N, C-alpha and C. Protein backbone atom coordinates (compact mmCIF):
# COMPACT_ATOMS: atom_id res chain seq x y z
N MET A 1 4.59 -7.39 13.35
CA MET A 1 5.06 -6.63 12.63
C MET A 1 6.64 -6.95 12.78
N ASP A 2 7.06 -7.05 11.49
CA ASP A 2 8.54 -7.32 11.62
C ASP A 2 9.09 -6.00 12.01
N GLY A 3 10.66 -6.59 13.16
CA GLY A 3 10.55 -5.32 13.93
C GLY A 3 11.98 -4.95 12.82
N GLN A 4 12.56 -5.42 11.84
CA GLN A 4 13.65 -4.77 11.20
C GLN A 4 13.02 -4.22 9.79
N SER A 5 12.21 -4.04 9.28
CA SER A 5 11.67 -3.76 7.95
C SER A 5 10.05 -2.66 8.06
N GLN A 6 9.92 -3.14 9.60
CA GLN A 6 8.72 -2.54 10.26
C GLN A 6 7.00 -2.67 9.02
N ARG A 7 7.58 -3.72 8.32
CA ARG A 7 6.57 -4.72 7.92
C ARG A 7 5.03 -5.16 8.59
N LEU A 8 3.86 -4.85 8.39
CA LEU A 8 2.67 -5.81 8.47
C LEU A 8 3.05 -7.08 7.90
N LEU A 9 2.40 -8.38 8.93
CA LEU A 9 2.61 -9.66 7.87
C LEU A 9 1.11 -10.11 8.94
N LYS A 10 0.55 -10.58 8.39
CA LYS A 10 -0.43 -11.11 8.62
C LYS A 10 -0.39 -12.81 8.70
N HIS A 11 -0.87 -12.98 10.07
CA HIS A 11 -0.92 -14.45 9.98
C HIS A 11 -2.32 -15.21 10.38
N HIS A 12 -3.11 -15.45 9.63
CA HIS A 12 -4.89 -15.95 10.18
C HIS A 12 -4.96 -17.35 9.94
N THR A 13 -5.75 -17.58 11.07
CA THR A 13 -6.06 -19.19 10.89
C THR A 13 -7.98 -19.03 11.40
N ALA A 14 -8.04 -19.78 10.68
CA ALA A 14 -9.86 -19.94 11.00
C ALA A 14 -10.43 -20.88 11.87
N ASN A 15 -10.79 -20.24 12.98
CA ASN A 15 -10.68 -21.18 13.90
C ASN A 15 -11.98 -20.46 14.51
N LEU A 16 -12.69 -21.32 15.19
CA LEU A 16 -13.76 -20.03 16.33
C LEU A 16 -13.40 -19.91 17.84
N ALA A 17 -14.11 -19.15 18.20
CA ALA A 17 -13.69 -18.26 19.20
C ALA A 17 -13.24 -19.37 20.56
N LEU A 18 -12.41 -19.30 21.22
CA LEU A 18 -11.84 -20.12 21.88
C LEU A 18 -13.26 -19.89 23.20
N GLY A 19 -13.43 -21.06 23.77
CA GLY A 19 -14.33 -21.35 24.80
C GLY A 19 -15.71 -21.47 24.44
N LEU A 20 -15.95 -21.18 23.02
CA LEU A 20 -17.31 -20.94 22.70
C LEU A 20 -18.39 -22.18 22.99
N ILE A 21 -17.38 -23.34 22.14
CA ILE A 21 -17.95 -24.83 21.95
C ILE A 21 -16.64 -25.72 22.80
N PRO A 22 -18.06 -26.28 23.73
CA PRO A 22 -16.91 -27.67 24.16
C PRO A 22 -15.87 -28.33 23.53
N HIS A 23 -14.51 -28.66 23.75
CA HIS A 23 -14.33 -30.08 22.92
C HIS A 23 -13.99 -29.68 21.56
N ALA A 24 -13.91 -27.97 21.10
CA ALA A 24 -13.61 -28.06 19.89
C ALA A 24 -12.27 -28.29 19.08
N GLN A 25 -12.17 -28.34 18.04
CA GLN A 25 -11.08 -28.77 17.60
C GLN A 25 -10.49 -27.00 16.75
N PHE A 26 -9.28 -27.30 16.90
CA PHE A 26 -8.41 -26.05 16.84
C PHE A 26 -7.33 -26.41 15.71
N SER A 27 -7.18 -25.51 14.72
CA SER A 27 -5.81 -25.61 13.73
C SER A 27 -4.56 -24.90 14.55
N VAL A 28 -3.63 -25.36 14.52
CA VAL A 28 -2.35 -24.98 14.71
C VAL A 28 -1.77 -24.20 14.47
N LYS A 29 -0.76 -22.92 14.55
CA LYS A 29 0.11 -22.94 13.47
C LYS A 29 1.42 -21.90 13.73
N THR A 30 2.70 -22.46 13.33
CA THR A 30 3.72 -21.73 13.86
C THR A 30 4.53 -20.48 13.57
N VAL A 31 4.90 -19.85 14.25
CA VAL A 31 5.36 -18.44 13.17
C VAL A 31 6.69 -18.01 14.13
N ALA A 32 7.88 -17.95 14.10
CA ALA A 32 8.64 -17.52 14.25
C ALA A 32 9.03 -16.25 14.53
N PHE A 33 9.72 -15.97 15.65
CA PHE A 33 9.15 -14.41 15.91
C PHE A 33 11.01 -13.99 16.32
N GLN A 34 11.22 -12.81 15.45
CA GLN A 34 12.78 -12.81 16.25
C GLN A 34 12.57 -11.16 17.20
N PRO A 35 13.78 -11.09 17.53
CA PRO A 35 14.07 -9.67 18.53
C PRO A 35 13.52 -8.49 17.61
N GLY A 36 12.64 -7.76 18.82
CA GLY A 36 11.96 -6.65 17.69
C GLY A 36 10.80 -7.05 17.18
N ASP A 37 10.85 -7.72 16.87
CA ASP A 37 9.20 -8.15 16.20
C ASP A 37 7.73 -7.80 17.45
N THR A 38 7.02 -7.11 16.72
CA THR A 38 5.92 -7.10 17.76
C THR A 38 4.52 -8.09 17.06
N PHE A 39 3.81 -9.08 18.03
CA PHE A 39 2.80 -9.74 18.10
C PHE A 39 1.22 -9.12 18.07
N VAL A 40 0.27 -8.95 17.25
CA VAL A 40 -0.53 -8.35 17.83
C VAL A 40 -1.55 -8.94 17.56
N LEU A 41 -2.54 -9.62 18.50
CA LEU A 41 -3.94 -10.02 18.40
C LEU A 41 -4.78 -9.34 18.54
N TYR A 42 -5.83 -9.09 17.79
CA TYR A 42 -6.67 -8.40 17.88
C TYR A 42 -8.35 -9.05 17.89
N SER A 43 -9.51 -8.82 18.36
CA SER A 43 -10.95 -9.43 18.33
C SER A 43 -11.65 -8.89 16.73
N ASP A 44 -12.83 -9.78 16.53
CA ASP A 44 -13.35 -8.72 15.61
C ASP A 44 -14.48 -7.76 15.77
N GLY A 45 -14.34 -7.31 17.12
CA GLY A 45 -14.96 -5.95 17.32
C GLY A 45 -13.91 -4.90 16.84
N ALA A 46 -12.92 -5.49 16.88
CA ALA A 46 -11.93 -3.93 16.38
C ALA A 46 -12.29 -3.50 15.17
N PHE A 47 -12.59 -4.25 14.25
CA PHE A 47 -12.70 -3.70 12.96
C PHE A 47 -13.92 -3.90 12.59
N GLU A 48 -15.03 -4.15 13.16
CA GLU A 48 -16.31 -4.14 13.01
C GLU A 48 -17.39 -3.83 13.51
N THR A 49 -16.45 -2.53 14.15
CA THR A 49 -16.97 -1.25 14.78
C THR A 49 -17.47 -0.19 13.77
N MET A 50 -18.93 0.33 14.52
CA MET A 50 -19.40 0.57 13.09
C MET A 50 -19.53 2.29 13.70
N ASN A 51 -19.62 3.55 12.78
CA ASN A 51 -19.68 4.44 13.25
C ASN A 51 -21.68 5.34 12.30
N ALA A 52 -22.06 6.24 13.06
CA ALA A 52 -23.15 6.61 12.76
C ALA A 52 -23.94 6.72 11.23
N GLN A 53 -22.70 6.52 10.52
CA GLN A 53 -23.50 6.85 9.29
C GLN A 53 -23.40 4.76 8.71
N GLY A 54 -22.91 4.43 9.55
CA GLY A 54 -23.58 2.66 9.45
C GLY A 54 -22.30 2.21 8.67
N ASP A 55 -21.01 2.66 8.36
CA ASP A 55 -19.43 2.74 7.82
C ASP A 55 -19.16 1.64 9.23
N MET A 56 -18.22 0.45 8.52
CA MET A 56 -17.68 -0.36 9.12
C MET A 56 -16.40 0.40 9.34
N PHE A 57 -15.67 0.26 10.17
CA PHE A 57 -14.05 0.56 10.58
C PHE A 57 -13.42 -0.25 9.47
N GLY A 58 -13.32 -1.75 9.77
CA GLY A 58 -12.67 -2.35 8.56
C GLY A 58 -11.35 -2.75 8.96
N GLU A 59 -11.21 -4.28 8.33
CA GLU A 59 -9.58 -4.68 8.62
C GLU A 59 -8.47 -3.98 7.82
N ALA A 60 -9.15 -3.67 6.81
CA ALA A 60 -7.91 -2.68 6.12
C ALA A 60 -7.50 -1.71 6.56
N ARG A 61 -8.20 -0.91 7.08
CA ARG A 61 -8.15 0.23 8.06
C ARG A 61 -7.56 -0.08 9.23
N LEU A 62 -7.85 -0.95 9.72
CA LEU A 62 -6.71 -1.35 11.26
C LEU A 62 -5.62 -2.04 10.56
N HIS A 63 -5.09 -2.76 9.63
CA HIS A 63 -3.81 -3.08 9.19
C HIS A 63 -3.14 -2.04 8.70
N ARG A 64 -4.07 -1.15 8.00
CA ARG A 64 -3.04 0.62 8.04
C ARG A 64 -2.22 1.36 8.98
N LEU A 65 -3.70 1.37 10.25
CA LEU A 65 -3.44 2.11 11.18
C LEU A 65 -2.07 1.40 12.04
N LEU A 66 -2.06 0.10 11.60
CA LEU A 66 -0.95 -0.72 12.52
C LEU A 66 0.06 -0.93 11.90
N ALA A 67 0.17 -0.80 10.31
CA ALA A 67 1.84 -0.55 9.53
C ALA A 67 2.19 1.21 10.08
N ARG A 68 0.86 1.91 10.33
CA ARG A 68 1.42 3.37 10.88
C ARG A 68 2.46 3.47 11.98
N LEU A 69 1.42 2.39 12.82
CA LEU A 69 1.99 2.38 14.33
C LEU A 69 3.49 1.62 14.55
N ALA A 70 3.84 0.75 13.17
CA ALA A 70 4.64 -0.03 13.61
C ALA A 70 6.08 0.80 14.39
N GLY A 71 6.76 0.12 14.94
CA GLY A 71 7.71 0.35 16.28
C GLY A 71 7.71 0.78 17.54
N ARG A 72 6.10 0.93 17.58
CA ARG A 72 5.39 1.75 18.39
C ARG A 72 5.68 1.17 19.57
N PRO A 73 5.97 1.64 21.15
CA PRO A 73 5.91 0.31 21.98
C PRO A 73 4.36 -0.15 22.40
N PRO A 74 4.15 -1.29 22.19
CA PRO A 74 3.13 -1.94 22.26
C PRO A 74 1.87 -1.54 23.17
N ARG A 75 1.85 -0.62 24.06
CA ARG A 75 1.37 -0.06 25.22
C ARG A 75 0.95 0.96 24.50
N HIS A 76 1.51 1.60 23.63
CA HIS A 76 1.21 2.92 23.20
C HIS A 76 0.39 2.52 21.66
N LEU A 77 0.52 1.22 20.99
CA LEU A 77 0.10 1.13 20.09
C LEU A 77 -1.78 0.90 20.07
N CYS A 78 -1.51 -0.32 21.41
CA CYS A 78 -3.38 -0.81 21.85
C CYS A 78 -3.98 0.97 21.76
N GLU A 79 -3.25 1.97 23.33
CA GLU A 79 -4.08 2.59 23.27
C GLU A 79 -4.38 3.56 22.03
N SER A 80 -3.30 3.45 21.09
CA SER A 80 -3.44 4.42 19.78
C SER A 80 -4.73 3.63 19.04
N VAL A 81 -4.90 2.01 19.04
CA VAL A 81 -5.71 1.46 17.64
C VAL A 81 -7.34 1.93 18.97
N LEU A 82 -7.44 1.76 19.97
CA LEU A 82 -8.18 1.88 20.59
C LEU A 82 -8.88 3.43 20.25
N GLN A 83 -7.80 4.48 20.45
CA GLN A 83 -8.67 5.64 20.73
C GLN A 83 -9.13 5.80 19.14
N GLU A 84 -8.41 5.72 17.97
CA GLU A 84 -8.27 5.59 16.79
C GLU A 84 -10.25 4.77 16.80
N ILE A 85 -10.54 3.70 17.19
CA ILE A 85 -11.63 3.32 16.84
C ILE A 85 -12.94 4.06 17.59
N GLN A 86 -12.37 4.45 18.70
CA GLN A 86 -13.40 5.69 19.59
C GLN A 86 -13.52 6.72 18.63
N ASP A 87 -12.87 7.21 18.24
CA ASP A 87 -12.62 8.25 16.97
C ASP A 87 -13.81 8.31 16.46
N PHE A 88 -13.41 6.94 15.30
CA PHE A 88 -14.30 6.70 14.06
C PHE A 88 -15.63 6.35 14.43
N GLN A 89 -15.77 5.73 15.79
CA GLN A 89 -17.07 4.96 16.24
C GLN A 89 -18.04 6.21 16.55
N GLN A 90 -17.31 7.71 17.03
CA GLN A 90 -18.39 8.93 17.58
C GLN A 90 -18.78 8.49 18.68
N GLU A 91 -20.27 8.63 18.60
CA GLU A 91 -21.17 8.52 20.05
C GLU A 91 -21.85 6.93 19.51
N ARG A 92 -21.79 6.38 18.63
CA ARG A 92 -22.29 4.98 18.60
C ARG A 92 -22.26 4.24 19.47
N HIS A 93 -23.07 3.45 19.98
CA HIS A 93 -23.11 2.38 20.65
C HIS A 93 -22.09 0.94 20.38
N GLN A 94 -21.00 1.07 21.52
CA GLN A 94 -20.57 -0.44 20.72
C GLN A 94 -21.54 -1.65 20.55
N MET A 95 -21.30 -2.82 19.79
CA MET A 95 -22.13 -3.82 20.04
C MET A 95 -21.63 -4.97 19.99
N ASP A 96 -19.95 -5.42 20.16
CA ASP A 96 -19.25 -6.28 20.46
C ASP A 96 -17.82 -5.44 21.07
N ASP A 97 -17.55 -7.03 21.80
CA ASP A 97 -16.17 -6.36 22.83
C ASP A 97 -14.93 -6.01 21.78
N ILE A 98 -14.02 -5.13 22.09
CA ILE A 98 -12.90 -4.98 21.64
C ILE A 98 -11.80 -5.30 22.62
N THR A 99 -11.18 -6.19 21.96
CA THR A 99 -9.87 -6.69 22.67
C THR A 99 -8.87 -6.19 21.84
N ILE A 100 -7.60 -6.15 21.65
CA ILE A 100 -6.47 -5.77 21.22
C ILE A 100 -5.22 -6.37 22.53
N LEU A 101 -4.56 -7.18 22.22
CA LEU A 101 -2.97 -7.00 22.97
C LEU A 101 -1.84 -7.08 21.82
N ALA A 102 -1.10 -6.38 22.25
CA ALA A 102 0.60 -6.42 21.38
C ALA A 102 1.37 -6.57 22.33
N ILE A 103 2.31 -7.44 21.78
CA ILE A 103 3.93 -8.54 22.63
C ILE A 103 4.62 -7.92 21.74
N ARG A 104 5.79 -7.40 22.36
CA ARG A 104 7.16 -7.41 21.47
C ARG A 104 8.03 -8.26 21.83
N CYS A 105 8.68 -9.07 20.64
CA CYS A 105 9.45 -9.90 21.08
C CYS A 105 11.28 -9.26 21.64
N CYS A 106 11.61 -9.40 22.76
CA CYS A 106 12.48 -9.19 23.14
C CYS A 106 14.29 -10.34 22.74
């Protein structure tokens, strides 16, 4: 997230999960961060979560949520995303891991 405009900027690479296949080759992408920018990394479990009706949380919903939370402290951002996912999921069993990491550049 851009610290100045609070816009969500998506940087995506198509790589396998780290450690899944020994000696796998990975693409590299370099992104310059400015003070105030927030880097958010999440696993597919964050947007593939399903509710009791079989609806998926979805990447678009996650991106809207992240945009709404722009400027919040990283810990609050992560806790809010996890709470929103749990609320969406209701009592349905989680089928995949959910990992979210937010780092604010100083």
